[in-house]
Protein backbone atom coordinates (compact mmCIF):
# COMPACT_ATOMS: atom_id res chain seq x y z
CA MET A 1 -13.67 -72.06 1.66
CA ILE A 2 -9.99 -71.04 2.36
CA THR A 3 -8.04 -69.32 0.10
CA SER A 4 -4.46 -68.86 0.18
CA LYS A 5 -2.38 -66.22 -2.13
CA VAL A 6 1.37 -66.62 -2.34
CA ALA A 7 3.52 -64.12 -3.99
CA ALA A 8 5.88 -67.15 -6.62
CA ASN A 9 9.26 -65.99 -7.19
CA GLN A 10 12.12 -66.93 -9.16
CA ALA A 11 13.37 -68.87 -5.57
CA PHE A 12 10.71 -71.55 -5.88
CA ALA A 13 11.74 -72.49 -9.32
CA GLN A 14 15.37 -72.40 -8.02
CA VAL A 15 14.87 -74.75 -5.35
CA ASN A 16 12.74 -77.23 -6.91
CA ARG A 17 15.79 -77.36 -9.55
CA MET A 18 18.18 -78.47 -7.30
CA THR A 19 15.74 -80.25 -5.42
CA LYS A 20 15.17 -82.98 -8.41
CA GLY A 21 19.57 -82.85 -8.53
CA ASP A 22 20.06 -83.21 -4.27
CA ASP A 23 19.08 -87.02 -3.78
CA ALA A 24 21.85 -86.79 -0.51
CA SER A 25 19.86 -84.27 0.52
CA ARG A 26 16.69 -85.82 0.25
CA GLN A 27 17.51 -88.14 2.36
CA ASN A 28 18.62 -86.12 5.75
CA HIS A 29 14.73 -84.44 5.79
CA GLY A 30 12.79 -86.06 8.48
CA ASN A 31 9.73 -88.21 7.78
CA GLU A 32 7.44 -85.72 9.55
CA ASP A 33 8.20 -83.63 6.41
CA VAL A 34 6.51 -86.25 3.71
CA ILE A 35 3.36 -87.17 2.87
CA LYS A 36 3.38 -90.93 2.02
CA THR A 37 0.68 -93.22 0.92
CA PRO A 38 -0.55 -95.77 3.29
CA LYS A 39 1.59 -98.05 2.95
CA GLY A 40 4.09 -95.87 3.88
CA GLU A 41 6.21 -94.90 0.88
CA ALA A 42 7.02 -91.14 -0.18
CA VAL A 43 4.47 -89.76 -2.99
CA ASP A 44 6.77 -89.51 -6.22
CA GLY A 45 8.06 -85.72 -5.84
CA ILE A 46 6.51 -84.89 -2.77
CA LYS A 47 9.25 -85.91 -0.80
CA ALA A 48 11.64 -83.07 -2.03
CA GLU A 49 9.01 -80.79 -2.22
CA ILE A 50 7.63 -80.41 0.33
CA SER A 51 10.64 -81.06 2.75
CA VAL A 52 12.47 -78.99 1.11
CA PHE A 53 10.27 -75.57 2.11
CA SER A 54 11.18 -75.99 6.07
CA ALA A 55 14.96 -77.42 4.60
CA HIS A 56 16.88 -74.49 2.93
CA PRO A 57 16.49 -71.20 4.69
CA LEU A 58 18.35 -69.73 2.00
CA GLN A 59 14.94 -69.44 0.05
CA GLN A 60 12.54 -66.93 0.23
CA PHE A 61 9.09 -68.66 -0.21
CA ASN A 62 5.62 -66.72 0.81
CA ALA A 63 4.83 -67.43 4.39
CA GLU A 64 1.14 -68.17 3.60
CA PHE A 65 2.34 -71.15 0.92
CA ASN A 66 4.66 -72.51 3.78
CA ALA A 67 1.48 -72.49 5.69
CA VAL A 68 -0.50 -74.48 3.37
CA VAL A 69 1.95 -76.84 3.10
CA LYS A 70 1.88 -76.91 7.01
CA SER A 71 -1.67 -77.84 7.02
CA ILE A 72 -1.33 -80.35 4.37
CA ARG A 73 1.37 -82.68 6.40
CA ILE A 74 -0.49 -81.80 9.94
CA ALA A 75 -3.82 -83.10 8.46
CA ASP A 76 -1.69 -86.23 6.68
CA LYS A 77 -0.08 -86.70 9.85
CA ALA A 78 -3.95 -86.91 11.59
CA MET A 79 -5.63 -89.21 9.64
CA GLY A 80 -2.01 -91.67 9.91
CA GLU A 81 -2.71 -91.45 13.69
CA ILE A 82 -6.13 -92.40 12.77
CA GLU A 83 -5.53 -94.99 10.48
CA THR A 84 -3.37 -96.56 13.34
CA ASN A 85 -5.86 -96.19 15.85
CA ILE A 86 -8.71 -97.67 13.50
CA GLU A 87 -5.93 -100.89 12.98
CA GLN A 88 -6.04 -101.06 17.16
CA MET A 89 -9.65 -101.31 17.46
CA GLU A 90 -9.76 -103.92 14.62
CA SER A 91 -7.43 -106.15 17.20
CA GLU A 92 -9.35 -105.34 19.87
CA VAL A 93 -12.63 -106.25 18.37
CA GLU A 94 -11.43 -109.60 17.33
CA MET A 95 -10.15 -110.61 20.14
CA PHE A 96 -13.17 -109.55 21.89
CA LEU A 97 -15.13 -111.90 19.60
CA LYS A 98 -12.48 -114.93 19.81
CA GLN A 99 -13.63 -115.12 23.04
CA TYR A 100 -15.54 -118.18 23.68
CA PRO A 101 -17.80 -118.82 25.87
CA PRO A 102 -18.76 -115.04 25.32
CA TYR A 103 -17.92 -112.50 27.76
CA PRO A 104 -21.16 -112.44 29.70
CA PRO A 105 -23.58 -109.23 29.95
CA GLY A 106 -22.28 -107.13 32.65
CA SER A 107 -18.98 -108.90 32.99
CA GLU A 108 -16.00 -106.71 33.93
CA ASP A 109 -13.96 -107.82 31.47
CA ARG A 110 -17.10 -106.99 28.77
CA ILE A 111 -17.44 -103.48 30.05
CA ASN A 112 -14.07 -102.80 30.07
CA TYR A 113 -13.96 -103.98 26.28
CA LEU A 114 -16.59 -102.00 25.51
CA ASN A 115 -15.12 -98.55 27.21
CA HIS A 116 -12.09 -98.80 25.35
CA PHE A 117 -14.16 -99.14 21.91
CA ALA A 118 -16.29 -95.90 23.03
CA MET A 119 -12.46 -94.25 24.16
CA LEU A 120 -10.97 -95.55 20.48
CA ARG A 121 -14.03 -94.31 19.15
CA LYS A 122 -14.13 -90.85 20.51
CA GLN A 123 -9.83 -90.44 19.77
CA ILE A 124 -10.47 -90.47 15.98
CA ASP A 125 -13.19 -87.80 16.56
CA GLN A 126 -10.63 -85.66 18.45
CA LEU A 127 -8.20 -86.21 16.29
CA THR A 128 -10.13 -84.81 13.29
CA PHE A 129 -9.52 -80.90 15.29
CA PRO A 130 -5.66 -80.67 14.91
CA PRO A 131 -4.31 -76.70 16.31
CA ASP A 132 -4.30 -75.13 12.60
CA GLU A 133 -7.72 -74.20 10.49
CA GLY A 134 -5.97 -75.76 7.66
CA ALA A 135 -5.65 -79.03 8.55
CA GLN A 136 -9.09 -78.87 10.10
CA ALA A 137 -10.92 -78.05 6.68
CA ILE A 138 -9.22 -81.09 4.98
CA ILE A 139 -10.17 -83.46 7.21
CA GLY A 140 -13.06 -82.00 9.54
CA PRO A 141 -16.14 -81.91 8.61
CA ALA A 142 -17.80 -79.65 6.10
CA PRO A 143 -19.72 -76.28 7.21
CA ASN A 144 -23.71 -76.54 5.75
CA GLY A 145 -24.15 -76.21 2.07
CA GLN A 146 -20.68 -76.42 0.75
CA SER A 147 -18.31 -79.07 -0.36
CA GLY A 148 -15.81 -78.57 1.78
CA ASP A 149 -12.80 -78.33 -0.95
CA TRP A 150 -9.72 -76.48 -0.78
CA GLU A 151 -9.44 -72.98 -3.63
CA ILE A 152 -5.84 -72.77 -3.80
CA GLU A 153 -4.93 -68.79 -5.22
CA ILE A 154 -1.66 -67.44 -5.75
CA GLY A 155 -0.74 -63.73 -6.13
CA GLY A 156 -4.36 -63.42 -5.99
CA ASN A 157 -5.49 -66.14 -9.02
CA LYS A 158 -6.76 -69.13 -8.88
CA THR A 159 -4.46 -71.61 -9.81
CA GLY A 160 -7.38 -74.40 -10.83
CA LYS A 161 -5.92 -76.92 -8.15
CA SER A 162 -8.14 -77.78 -4.85
CA ILE A 163 -7.16 -79.86 -1.83
CA ARG A 164 -10.19 -82.17 -2.02
CA HIS A 165 -12.19 -82.32 1.83
CA GLN A 166 -11.61 -85.57 2.90
CA PRO A 167 -13.42 -86.00 6.18
CA VAL A 168 -12.46 -88.62 8.48
CA HIS A 169 -14.24 -88.13 11.87
CA ALA A 170 -15.99 -91.21 13.19
CA GLY A 171 -19.65 -90.23 12.28
CA ARG A 172 -21.87 -89.89 9.30
CA ASP A 173 -20.45 -88.61 6.23
CA GLY A 174 -17.49 -89.60 7.72
CA LEU A 175 -16.02 -93.32 8.55
CA ASN A 176 -19.07 -94.18 9.57
CA LEU A 177 -18.65 -96.20 12.31
CA PRO A 178 -21.07 -97.09 14.81
CA GLU A 179 -21.26 -96.32 18.34
CA ILE A 180 -21.13 -99.23 20.77
CA SER A 181 -22.46 -98.33 24.15
CA LEU A 182 -22.18 -100.41 27.52
CA GLN A 183 -25.74 -102.59 26.34
CA ALA A 184 -23.80 -103.86 23.18
CA THR A 185 -25.01 -107.21 22.00
CA ASP A 186 -22.48 -109.68 20.27
CA ASP A 187 -24.18 -108.71 17.11
CA GLN A 188 -23.42 -105.21 17.27
CA ILE A 189 -19.74 -106.20 17.79
CA VAL A 190 -19.68 -107.71 14.43
CA GLY A 191 -21.39 -105.07 13.00
CA LEU A 192 -18.35 -102.28 14.25
CA LYS A 193 -15.83 -105.28 13.01
CA LYS A 194 -17.50 -104.88 9.50
CA ALA A 195 -17.57 -101.00 9.93
CA LEU A 196 -13.86 -101.01 10.77
CA GLY A 197 -12.56 -102.87 8.26
CA SER A 198 -14.53 -100.56 5.29
CA ALA A 199 -13.23 -97.62 7.31
CA ARG A 200 -9.99 -98.50 7.22
CA GLU A 201 -9.99 -99.23 3.16
CA GLN A 202 -11.89 -94.91 3.46
CA ILE A 203 -8.91 -93.46 5.12
CA LYS A 204 -6.08 -95.52 3.12
CA GLN A 205 -8.55 -93.74 -0.31
CA ARG A 206 -8.14 -90.86 1.25
CA ARG A 207 -4.76 -90.55 2.00
CA THR A 208 -3.89 -90.89 -1.27
CA GLU A 209 -6.39 -88.72 -2.73
CA LEU A 210 -4.53 -86.29 -0.52
CA SER A 211 -0.86 -86.71 -1.31
CA GLU A 212 -2.36 -86.30 -5.26
CA ASP A 213 -4.15 -83.15 -4.97
CA ALA A 214 -1.07 -82.07 -2.62
CA ILE A 215 1.78 -82.64 -4.92
CA GLN A 216 -0.89 -81.22 -7.75
CA VAL A 217 -1.05 -77.83 -5.39
CA ILE A 218 2.80 -77.90 -4.43
CA ARG A 219 3.58 -77.89 -8.64
CA SER A 220 1.37 -75.59 -9.64
CA VAL A 221 3.22 -73.17 -8.30
CA GLU A 222 6.58 -73.81 -9.88
C-alpha cells in the first residue's frame, strides 16, 4: 500500500473555484495533463482539476499531492500506449490470418510476423514499469497477498478514497495475452486474435475506472 500525506489548504479550494469559472484558461493546457476516457474524451472535471496543478504556479500545493497527480497521469499515459500497442497487434494478426494460402512453417514472412507479435507483447510488459513508483503501483503487478489498491491520506487522515489497482501487464491476472513462439500454429494465432479483442476491452474499462478514481481523490481534498 502506498500512502500520500497532503497539507490541504485554502489555496486548493480557491484554484478549483477559479478553474470552474475560467474555460478559456482550461483550453490552453496541453493534452499531456489530461486524463481521458478510452474514446479520447476528457472526463468531467478532470481536465480542469488536474491541469491546474501544474499550470498555475501561484497556487501553493503540497509537493506530495502533486506527486500523486503526476503518478495518475503517468499511469494513464502508459495505459494509452498499451491500448495503442494492442490495436497494432490486432491489425497485424488480422493481416496474418487473411493471407491465403497461410505462410508455411519456417518461412521468412511467418517468422517475421511471429517475432513482431512477441516483441509487441514484450513492450506491453515494459510499459507497466514506468519510471514512477506510484504509476507502477497502479498498473503493475500487485504485491503478493495484497489488493494493490492505493489508499490516499491527507494530512495524516484517510480520505476514504483509493486508486484501484489496474494491472495491465500481458500475463495472467493482467491482460492474459498468450505467448507466441516461432513454432506457433495458425490455431494459436487465432487464439491470440480473440485474446487481443478481450484485452482491448479490458484496458478501456480500466482506463475509465482510473479516471473515475482520480476525480474522487482530487475532489476529496477540496
